Amino acid sequence: MKDRPILFGSLAAGLLASACCIGPLLLGAIGLGSLGFGAWLAPARPWFLALTGLLLAIGFYLAYRPVRSTACEAGEACATPESRRPQRIMLWSVTLIAAGLATYPSWAARSGSGSTPSGARDPSDTVVTLAVSGMTCEACAGEIEQGLTQVRGVLRASVDYDHSRAQIVTAAAINPRLLISAVERTGYHASIPASTRSDEPKLATAGSTTDGESQLRRPLVQLNPALEPFVRDFNSDQERTRFVAILSPTCQSCLEGAKAIKAALGGYDPKGLSIYVVWTPMLAGDGANAARGATLSMRGRNVRNYYDPRNELGAMLRRDAFPKAASDMVSSLPRGHFMIEQLRRRDPTTPEWDIYMLFDPHVVWRDAAPRPSHWVRQAARFGPPGGEMKSLMWIDSYRTAPITGDLSEQIAQMAKTKDVLTASPQ
């Protein structure tokens, strides 16, 4: 069949017309990344579509053109016309395949999208926004959505091709690097948007804390991998009861927790208690700038603020003090509780955060984190629109069922059990 090269050429052109979307997916599947494949082919897509149409038109002409009548002697091969049925069957088959390939970016986009973060969601859910580059059509967005939903803890994902943005709803705080890696495995690139990323400002470092005009102006101190100067400050206060909180600077529940600390502890004699607030990046918008802004609500003569850029403190506590927290939290909940599925999706090694702890005098922080004598872990905040918000909290044990109530009341009650809050105006 003389027209076979034309048919195969139309197939190749149709494949190239869709390669801007299929290429990154295939390359990502074998671990090569997109290598700029889609971006290189995308501008040429109209030309490939035109070539596909031209080659198919030639194929149809050859398959259906009238047979020129010529004189033939009886018994010669030309006396028996060759059937063009197989040729036409192949032509229509190639046409359908080429059309499917050429229009892949359109129908794949419609079938791949549908996982969106809009609508009702649990108050404890987290929304992460990423900037995505390398997309050349709507189908790319669908492929990225599918890749993101494979990450443990991701509930829904929506990728906006027009604005090069992905929004991911997670059941708990997830390190954005895991989501970025998921995007890159599909053959594209992702990063935290500049509008939500906080560049690291110049912070006080270990050994640079000074009294200044007043202890009310203590700077935000960045911790090094050895958790200095937090460990040094903690151990130097061995004669006092110490209160430690680990918070995200942009998590609304954590910011409400900071207010609860102030309400429960801010009006008491600073001589009875040392307060350490460690801000750590758990959400996409967290960073040193956000932490520095959050410290404005946590100033006082007995308050020290730290920034832990690597989540070292929470990870150490999860490893040393609460190694079975994830499984214990699930087993402590009644059957059918709304938090069970979310907790099962969480990485069991997720650092402790949104936690409020009390350490007795003479407790020393060594290579392993000590276990607090009393603590409250806020897992979620919820309530009716415009109504009073309540906190879901585990108190002193992950093996007992959590309670619902007011966080500031629990913090105050926890401190009172140690008889360290002697009311005194400041």
Protein backbone atom coordinates (compact mmCIF):
# COMPACT_ATOMS: atom_id res chain seq x y z
CA MET A 1 0.00 0.00 0.00
CA LYS A 2 1.60 3.20 -1.20
CA ASP A 3 -0.25 5.36 1.30
CA ARG A 4 1.09 3.62 4.41
CA PRO A 5 3.84 6.24 4.95
CA ILE A 6 1.13 8.91 4.84
CA LEU A 7 -0.97 7.08 7.43
CA PHE A 8 1.97 6.56 9.76
CA GLY A 9 2.98 10.17 9.23
CA SER A 10 -0.47 11.37 10.31
CA LEU A 11 -0.22 9.21 13.42
CA ALA A 12 3.17 10.69 14.25
CA ALA A 13 1.91 14.23 13.70
CA GLY A 14 -1.12 13.58 15.92
CA LEU A 15 1.17 12.22 18.63
CA LEU A 16 3.42 15.26 18.42
CA ALA A 17 0.37 17.54 18.61
CA SER A 18 -0.44 16.02 22.01
CA ALA A 19 3.14 15.46 23.14
CA CYS A 20 3.25 18.78 24.98
CA CYS A 21 0.97 17.09 27.55
CA ILE A 22 1.73 13.40 27.13
CA GLY A 23 5.50 13.93 26.99
CA PRO A 24 5.99 15.38 30.50
CA LEU A 25 3.75 12.67 31.94
CA LEU A 26 5.72 9.86 30.32
CA LEU A 27 9.08 11.36 31.15
CA GLY A 28 7.99 12.00 34.73
CA ALA A 29 6.81 8.39 35.05
CA ILE A 30 10.32 7.12 34.25
CA GLY A 31 11.94 9.67 36.55
CA LEU A 32 13.40 12.02 33.95
CA GLY A 33 11.22 15.03 34.67
CA SER A 34 9.85 17.12 31.85
CA LEU A 35 13.28 18.27 30.59
CA GLY A 36 11.50 21.20 28.95
CA PHE A 37 9.80 18.75 26.58
CA GLY A 38 6.28 20.20 26.77
CA ALA A 39 7.43 23.81 26.68
CA TRP A 40 9.52 23.11 23.56
CA LEU A 41 6.71 21.40 21.62
CA ALA A 42 3.76 23.54 22.72
CA PRO A 43 4.38 26.45 20.27
CA ALA A 44 4.51 23.99 17.38
CA ARG A 45 1.23 22.28 18.27
CA PRO A 46 -0.87 24.17 15.64
CA TRP A 47 1.60 23.12 12.95
CA PHE A 48 1.41 19.48 14.01
CA LEU A 49 -2.39 19.65 13.95
CA ALA A 50 -2.30 21.12 10.46
CA LEU A 51 0.14 18.43 9.32
CA THR A 52 -2.12 15.73 10.78
CA GLY A 53 -5.10 17.10 8.87
CA LEU A 54 -3.11 17.42 5.63
CA LEU A 55 -1.75 13.87 5.76
CA LEU A 56 -5.17 12.43 6.56
CA ALA A 57 -6.69 14.40 3.66
CA ILE A 58 -4.10 12.92 1.30
CA GLY A 59 -4.85 9.48 2.69
CA PHE A 60 -8.58 9.88 2.07
CA TYR A 61 -7.89 11.10 -1.45
CA LEU A 62 -5.77 8.07 -2.22
CA ALA A 63 -8.29 5.69 -0.66
CA TYR A 64 -11.37 7.09 -2.38
CA ARG A 65 -10.05 8.52 -5.64
CA PRO A 66 -11.70 7.14 -8.79
CA VAL A 67 -9.86 4.30 -10.45
CA ARG A 68 -8.65 5.34 -13.86
CA SER A 69 -9.94 2.94 -16.49
CA THR A 70 -7.23 1.56 -18.78
CA ALA A 71 -7.22 -1.07 -21.43
CA CYS A 72 -6.35 -4.47 -20.01
CA GLU A 73 -5.90 -7.74 -21.75
CA ALA A 74 -7.88 -10.62 -20.35
CA GLY A 75 -5.95 -12.56 -17.78
CA GLU A 76 -3.67 -9.68 -16.78
CA ALA A 77 -3.49 -8.47 -13.14
CA CYS A 78 -5.06 -5.13 -14.00
CA ALA A 79 -8.13 -6.94 -15.29
CA THR A 80 -9.06 -7.75 -11.64
CA PRO A 81 -9.35 -4.47 -9.66
CA GLU A 82 -7.59 -4.56 -6.29
CA SER A 83 -9.96 -4.24 -3.31
CA ARG A 84 -9.40 -1.05 -1.35
CA ARG A 85 -11.44 -2.20 1.66
CA PRO A 86 -8.39 -3.04 3.87
CA GLN A 87 -6.84 0.31 2.93
CA ARG A 88 -9.98 2.18 3.92
CA ILE A 89 -10.34 0.26 7.20
CA MET A 90 -6.76 1.16 8.11
CA LEU A 91 -7.37 4.77 7.07
CA TRP A 92 -10.40 5.16 9.34
CA SER A 93 -8.60 3.41 12.22
CA VAL A 94 -5.61 5.74 11.88
CA THR A 95 -7.97 8.73 11.63
CA LEU A 96 -9.69 7.85 14.92
CA ILE A 97 -6.37 7.29 16.71
CA ALA A 98 -4.84 10.48 15.32
CA ALA A 99 -7.95 12.48 16.27
CA GLY A 100 -7.80 11.08 19.80
CA LEU A 101 -4.14 11.98 20.13
CA ALA A 102 -4.56 15.44 18.64
CA THR A 103 -7.47 16.31 20.91
CA TYR A 104 -5.99 14.68 24.04
CA PRO A 105 -5.29 18.02 25.76
CA SER A 106 -8.99 18.95 25.58
CA TRP A 107 -10.77 15.75 26.61
CA ALA A 108 -8.12 14.78 29.16
CA ALA A 109 -8.61 18.13 30.88
CA ARG A 110 -12.36 17.57 31.22
CA SER A 111 -11.94 14.01 32.49
CA GLY A 112 -9.00 14.76 34.76
CA SER A 113 -10.39 17.75 36.61
CA GLY A 114 -13.03 17.59 39.25
CA SER A 115 -11.04 17.42 42.47
CA THR A 116 -11.45 20.87 43.93
CA PRO A 117 -10.83 22.34 47.36
CA SER A 118 -13.99 24.38 47.27
CA GLY A 119 -17.05 23.71 49.38
CA ALA A 120 -17.42 22.72 53.01
CA ARG A 121 -14.33 21.44 54.74
CA ASP A 122 -13.36 20.53 58.25
CA PRO A 123 -11.96 23.44 60.32
CA SER A 124 -8.81 21.45 60.99
CA ASP A 125 -8.06 21.05 57.29
CA THR A 126 -5.18 23.01 55.80
CA VAL A 127 -5.04 24.63 52.36
CA VAL A 128 -1.63 24.81 50.68
CA THR A 129 -1.04 26.94 47.58
CA LEU A 130 1.76 26.23 45.11
CA ALA A 131 2.92 28.01 41.97
CA VAL A 132 3.19 25.52 39.09
CA SER A 133 5.25 25.97 35.94
CA GLY A 134 5.68 23.89 32.78
CA MET A 135 1.97 23.40 32.01
CA THR A 136 1.05 23.82 28.34
CA CYS A 137 -2.64 22.87 28.35
CA GLU A 138 -5.58 22.03 30.59
CA ALA A 139 -4.71 18.34 30.55
CA CYS A 140 -1.48 19.11 32.37
CA ALA A 141 -3.53 20.43 35.27
CA GLY A 142 -5.48 17.18 35.48
CA GLU A 143 -2.28 15.13 35.55
CA ILE A 144 -0.88 17.25 38.37
CA GLU A 145 -4.11 16.92 40.36
CA GLN A 146 -3.92 13.15 40.11
CA GLY A 147 -0.30 13.19 41.27
CA LEU A 148 -1.07 15.41 44.26
CA THR A 149 -3.98 13.28 45.46
CA GLN A 150 -1.58 10.33 45.76
CA VAL A 151 0.26 12.09 48.61
CA ARG A 152 -0.70 10.76 52.01
CA GLY A 153 -2.86 13.26 53.86
CA VAL A 154 -4.10 15.12 50.77
CA LEU A 155 -7.90 15.29 50.64
CA ARG A 156 -8.41 17.28 47.44
CA ALA A 157 -6.35 19.15 44.89
CA SER A 158 -7.26 21.72 42.24
CA VAL A 159 -4.84 23.04 39.61
CA ASP A 160 -5.67 26.28 37.78
CA TYR A 161 -3.96 26.21 34.38
CA ASP A 162 -4.79 29.85 33.55
CA HIS A 163 -3.16 31.17 36.75
CA SER A 164 -0.45 28.46 37.08
CA ARG A 165 -1.54 27.70 40.61
CA ALA A 166 -2.38 24.59 42.64
CA GLN A 167 -4.50 24.54 45.78
CA ILE A 168 -4.28 21.44 47.95
CA VAL A 169 -6.54 20.63 50.92
CA THR A 170 -4.84 18.41 53.49
CA ALA A 171 -6.17 16.71 56.60
CA ALA A 172 -3.18 17.98 58.57
CA ALA A 173 -0.11 20.11 58.12
CA ILE A 174 2.10 18.64 55.38
CA ASN A 175 5.59 19.71 54.56
CA PRO A 176 5.20 21.65 51.26
CA ARG A 177 8.31 19.91 49.95
CA LEU A 178 6.34 16.64 49.75
CA LEU A 179 3.73 18.34 47.57
CA ILE A 180 6.40 19.96 45.39
CA SER A 181 8.02 16.54 44.89
CA ALA A 182 4.65 15.08 43.87
CA VAL A 183 4.27 17.77 41.20
CA GLU A 184 7.79 17.17 39.93
CA ARG A 185 7.12 13.43 39.63
CA THR A 186 4.39 14.24 37.10
CA GLY A 187 6.95 16.12 34.99
CA TYR A 188 6.29 19.73 36.03
CA HIS A 189 7.76 22.19 38.49
CA ALA A 190 6.29 23.78 41.63
CA SER A 191 7.29 26.25 44.30
CA ILE A 192 5.77 28.21 47.16
CA PRO A 193 4.35 31.44 45.70
CA ALA A 194 6.31 34.59 46.46
CA SER A 195 3.13 36.15 47.88
CA THR A 196 2.97 33.54 50.65
CA ARG A 197 6.63 32.73 51.11
CA SER A 198 8.44 34.55 53.88
CA ASP A 199 12.09 35.14 53.17
CA GLU A 200 14.34 34.68 56.14
CA PRO A 201 15.06 38.02 57.78
CA LYS A 202 18.06 38.67 59.96
CA LEU A 203 17.09 37.26 63.32
CA ALA A 204 18.86 37.10 66.61
CA THR A 205 20.94 33.91 66.79
CA ALA A 206 22.29 31.80 69.58
CA GLY A 207 24.03 33.93 72.16
CA SER A 208 22.74 37.25 70.83
CA THR A 209 19.80 37.74 73.22
CA THR A 210 20.23 40.95 75.18
CA ASP A 211 18.22 42.70 77.84
CA GLY A 212 18.06 45.99 75.91
CA GLU A 213 15.86 48.71 77.34
CA SER A 214 13.38 46.14 78.57
CA GLN A 215 12.83 42.42 78.51
CA LEU A 216 9.55 43.26 76.82
CA ARG A 217 11.63 43.80 73.64
CA ARG A 218 13.29 40.40 73.53
CA PRO A 219 13.93 39.53 69.89
CA LEU A 220 12.74 36.46 68.03
CA VAL A 221 15.69 34.07 68.32
CA GLN A 222 16.40 31.54 65.61
CA LEU A 223 17.36 28.08 66.81
CA ASN A 224 20.29 26.14 65.39
CA PRO A 225 20.12 22.36 64.72
CA ALA A 226 21.12 21.69 68.34
CA LEU A 227 18.09 23.76 69.48
CA GLU A 228 20.29 26.42 70.99
CA PRO A 229 19.68 28.77 72.70
CA PHE A 230 16.32 27.20 73.68
CA VAL A 231 17.95 24.25 75.48
CA ARG A 232 20.37 26.54 77.29
CA ASP A 233 17.59 28.90 78.38
CA PHE A 234 15.34 26.00 79.41
CA ASN A 235 18.04 24.39 81.56
CA SER A 236 19.11 27.69 83.10
CA ASP A 237 15.58 28.03 84.51
CA GLN A 238 15.67 24.73 86.41
CA GLU A 239 14.44 26.36 89.59
CA ARG A 240 11.23 27.47 87.89
CA THR A 241 8.25 25.79 86.29
CA ARG A 242 8.50 26.19 82.52
CA PHE A 243 5.67 26.51 80.02
CA VAL A 244 6.51 25.61 76.38
CA ALA A 245 4.23 26.05 73.35
CA ILE A 246 4.99 25.04 69.74
CA LEU A 247 2.94 27.04 67.25
CA SER A 248 2.65 27.79 63.54
CA PRO A 249 2.73 31.56 62.88
CA THR A 250 -0.08 31.43 60.28
CA CYS A 251 -2.32 28.62 61.55
CA GLN A 252 -5.50 30.23 62.85
CA SER A 253 -5.90 27.64 65.61
CA CYS A 254 -2.33 28.33 66.76
CA LEU A 255 -2.87 32.09 66.76
CA GLU A 256 -5.97 31.54 68.85
CA GLY A 257 -3.77 29.39 71.05
CA ALA A 258 -1.38 32.31 71.49
CA LYS A 259 -4.31 34.41 72.66
CA ALA A 260 -5.30 31.61 75.04
CA ILE A 261 -1.80 31.63 76.54
CA LYS A 262 -2.00 35.36 77.09
CA ALA A 263 -5.48 35.10 78.60
CA ALA A 264 -4.49 32.23 80.90
CA LEU A 265 -0.96 33.23 81.92
CA GLY A 266 -0.37 36.86 80.97
CA GLY A 267 -1.86 38.39 84.13
CA TYR A 268 0.15 36.37 86.63
CA ASP A 269 3.41 36.94 88.47
CA PRO A 270 6.29 36.34 86.03
CA LYS A 271 8.46 35.16 88.91
CA GLY A 272 6.43 31.95 89.14
CA LEU A 273 6.70 30.79 85.54
CA SER A 274 8.94 30.97 82.48
CA ILE A 275 7.13 30.95 79.14
CA TYR A 276 8.80 29.70 75.93
CA VAL A 277 6.95 30.07 72.62
CA VAL A 278 8.55 28.24 69.70
CA TRP A 279 7.24 29.26 66.25
CA THR A 280 7.81 26.65 63.56
CA PRO A 281 6.95 26.44 59.83
CA MET A 282 4.19 23.84 59.45
CA LEU A 283 2.14 25.51 56.70
CA ALA A 284 3.09 26.87 53.28
CA GLY A 285 2.89 30.51 54.37
CA ASP A 286 5.01 30.04 57.48
CA GLY A 287 8.43 31.58 57.73
CA ALA A 288 10.58 33.84 59.86
CA ASN A 289 8.75 37.01 58.81
CA ALA A 290 5.40 35.48 59.76
CA ALA A 291 6.87 34.30 63.06
CA ARG A 292 8.26 37.73 63.81
CA GLY A 293 4.81 39.23 63.24
CA ALA A 294 3.18 36.60 65.46
CA THR A 295 5.50 37.45 68.36
CA LEU A 296 3.82 40.85 68.67
CA SER A 297 0.99 39.10 70.50
CA MET A 298 3.38 37.25 72.80
CA ARG A 299 5.50 39.89 74.52
CA GLY A 300 6.17 39.98 78.23
CA ARG A 301 8.87 39.98 80.88
CA ASN A 302 8.53 36.23 81.34
CA VAL A 303 8.13 35.32 77.63
CA ARG A 304 10.82 34.20 75.19
CA ASN A 305 10.06 33.69 71.48
CA TYR A 306 12.05 31.36 69.24
CA TYR A 307 11.92 30.40 65.57
CA ASP A 308 12.64 26.74 64.75
CA PRO A 309 13.12 26.65 60.93
CA ARG A 310 13.54 22.87 60.70
CA ASN A 311 10.79 21.69 63.08
CA GLU A 312 13.53 20.15 65.23
CA LEU A 313 11.81 20.70 68.59
CA GLY A 314 8.46 19.22 67.58
CA ALA A 315 10.17 16.28 65.87
CA MET A 316 12.25 15.56 68.98
CA LEU A 317 9.17 15.63 71.21
CA ARG A 318 7.25 13.30 68.88
CA ARG A 319 10.19 10.89 68.77
CA ASP A 320 11.17 10.92 72.47
CA ALA A 321 8.10 11.93 74.47
CA PHE A 322 5.14 10.91 72.27
CA PRO A 323 6.32 8.08 69.97
CA LYS A 324 2.87 6.43 69.72
CA ALA A 325 0.84 9.62 69.50
CA ALA A 326 -0.62 8.93 66.04
CA SER A 327 -1.97 5.46 66.81
CA ASP A 328 -3.07 6.41 70.34
CA MET A 329 -5.09 9.37 69.07
CA VAL A 330 -7.00 7.16 66.65
CA SER A 331 -7.70 4.44 69.23
CA SER A 332 -8.91 7.00 71.79
CA LEU A 333 -11.68 8.33 69.55
CA PRO A 334 -15.19 6.83 69.46
CA ARG A 335 -16.20 4.96 66.34
CA GLY A 336 -17.36 7.28 63.55
CA HIS A 337 -15.59 10.38 64.91
CA PHE A 338 -14.84 12.93 62.18
CA MET A 339 -11.12 13.05 63.07
CA ILE A 340 -10.39 9.34 62.62
CA GLU A 341 -9.89 9.32 58.86
CA GLN A 342 -7.84 12.52 58.98
CA LEU A 343 -5.55 11.08 61.65
CA ARG A 344 -5.08 7.87 59.69
CA ARG A 345 -3.91 9.86 56.68
CA ARG A 346 -1.33 11.79 58.67
CA ASP A 347 2.33 10.89 58.65
CA PRO A 348 2.97 9.34 62.11
CA THR A 349 6.29 11.15 62.28
CA THR A 350 4.72 14.62 61.88
CA PRO A 351 6.33 16.92 64.48
CA GLU A 352 4.30 17.93 67.50
CA TRP A 353 2.73 21.37 67.14
CA ASP A 354 -0.22 23.36 68.49
CA ILE A 355 0.80 21.83 71.82
CA TYR A 356 1.05 23.53 75.24
CA MET A 357 3.31 21.90 77.86
CA LEU A 358 4.30 22.37 81.48
CA PHE A 359 7.67 21.13 82.80
CA ASP A 360 8.42 20.78 86.50
CA PRO A 361 11.40 22.47 88.16
CA HIS A 362 14.70 20.57 87.98
CA VAL A 363 13.72 18.83 84.73
CA VAL A 364 16.71 19.00 82.37
CA TRP A 365 16.59 18.95 78.57
CA ARG A 366 19.30 16.54 77.44
CA ASP A 367 19.93 14.66 74.18
CA ALA A 368 16.39 13.30 74.40
CA ALA A 369 13.39 15.53 75.02
CA PRO A 370 11.88 15.20 78.52
CA ARG A 371 8.21 14.37 78.86
CA PRO A 372 6.13 17.28 80.20
CA SER A 373 4.31 16.79 83.50
CA HIS A 374 1.12 18.28 82.03
CA TRP A 375 0.17 19.20 78.48
CA VAL A 376 -2.70 20.11 76.18
CA ARG A 377 -2.72 19.26 72.47
CA GLN A 378 -5.21 21.25 70.39
CA ALA A 379 -6.21 19.19 67.36
CA ALA A 380 -9.04 21.27 65.88
CA ARG A 381 -11.28 24.28 66.41
CA PHE A 382 -14.88 24.28 65.27
CA GLY A 383 -18.22 25.95 65.85
CA PRO A 384 -21.27 27.35 64.08
CA PRO A 385 -20.83 30.36 61.75
CA GLY A 386 -20.72 33.46 63.93
CA GLY A 387 -20.97 31.32 67.05
CA GLU A 388 -18.57 30.38 69.81
CA MET A 389 -15.59 28.31 68.71
CA LYS A 390 -14.53 25.30 70.75
CA SER A 391 -11.28 23.35 70.74
CA LEU A 392 -10.84 19.58 70.47
CA MET A 393 -8.05 18.76 72.92
CA TRP A 394 -6.11 15.81 74.26
CA ILE A 395 -5.01 16.42 77.85
CA ASP A 396 -2.01 14.67 79.44
CA SER A 397 -2.55 11.46 77.45
CA TYR A 398 -3.24 10.50 73.87
CA ARG A 399 -4.77 7.25 75.09
CA THR A 400 -7.78 8.93 76.69
CA ALA A 401 -10.58 10.47 74.66
CA PRO A 402 -10.17 14.18 73.82
CA ILE A 403 -12.48 16.80 75.27
CA THR A 404 -14.19 19.80 73.69
CA GLY A 405 -13.89 23.12 75.48
CA ASP A 406 -12.01 26.38 75.95
CA LEU A 407 -8.23 26.17 75.48
CA SER A 408 -7.41 29.10 77.78
CA GLU A 409 -9.33 27.48 80.62
CA GLN A 410 -7.40 24.25 80.17
CA ILE A 411 -4.05 26.05 80.12
CA ALA A 412 -4.93 27.97 83.27
CA GLN A 413 -6.14 24.79 84.98
CA MET A 414 -2.99 22.96 83.95
CA ALA A 415 -0.79 25.68 85.46
CA LYS A 416 -2.84 25.88 88.65
CA THR A 417 -2.21 22.19 89.32
CA LYS A 418 1.43 23.15 89.86
CA ASP A 419 0.55 26.12 92.05
CA VAL A 420 2.71 28.47 89.98
CA LEU A 421 0.13 31.13 89.13
CA THR A 422 0.03 33.57 91.99
CA ALA A 423 -2.13 36.40 90.75
CA SER A 424 -0.28 39.69 90.71
CA PRO A 425 -0.83 42.76 88.56
CA GLN A 426 2.02 43.62 86.19
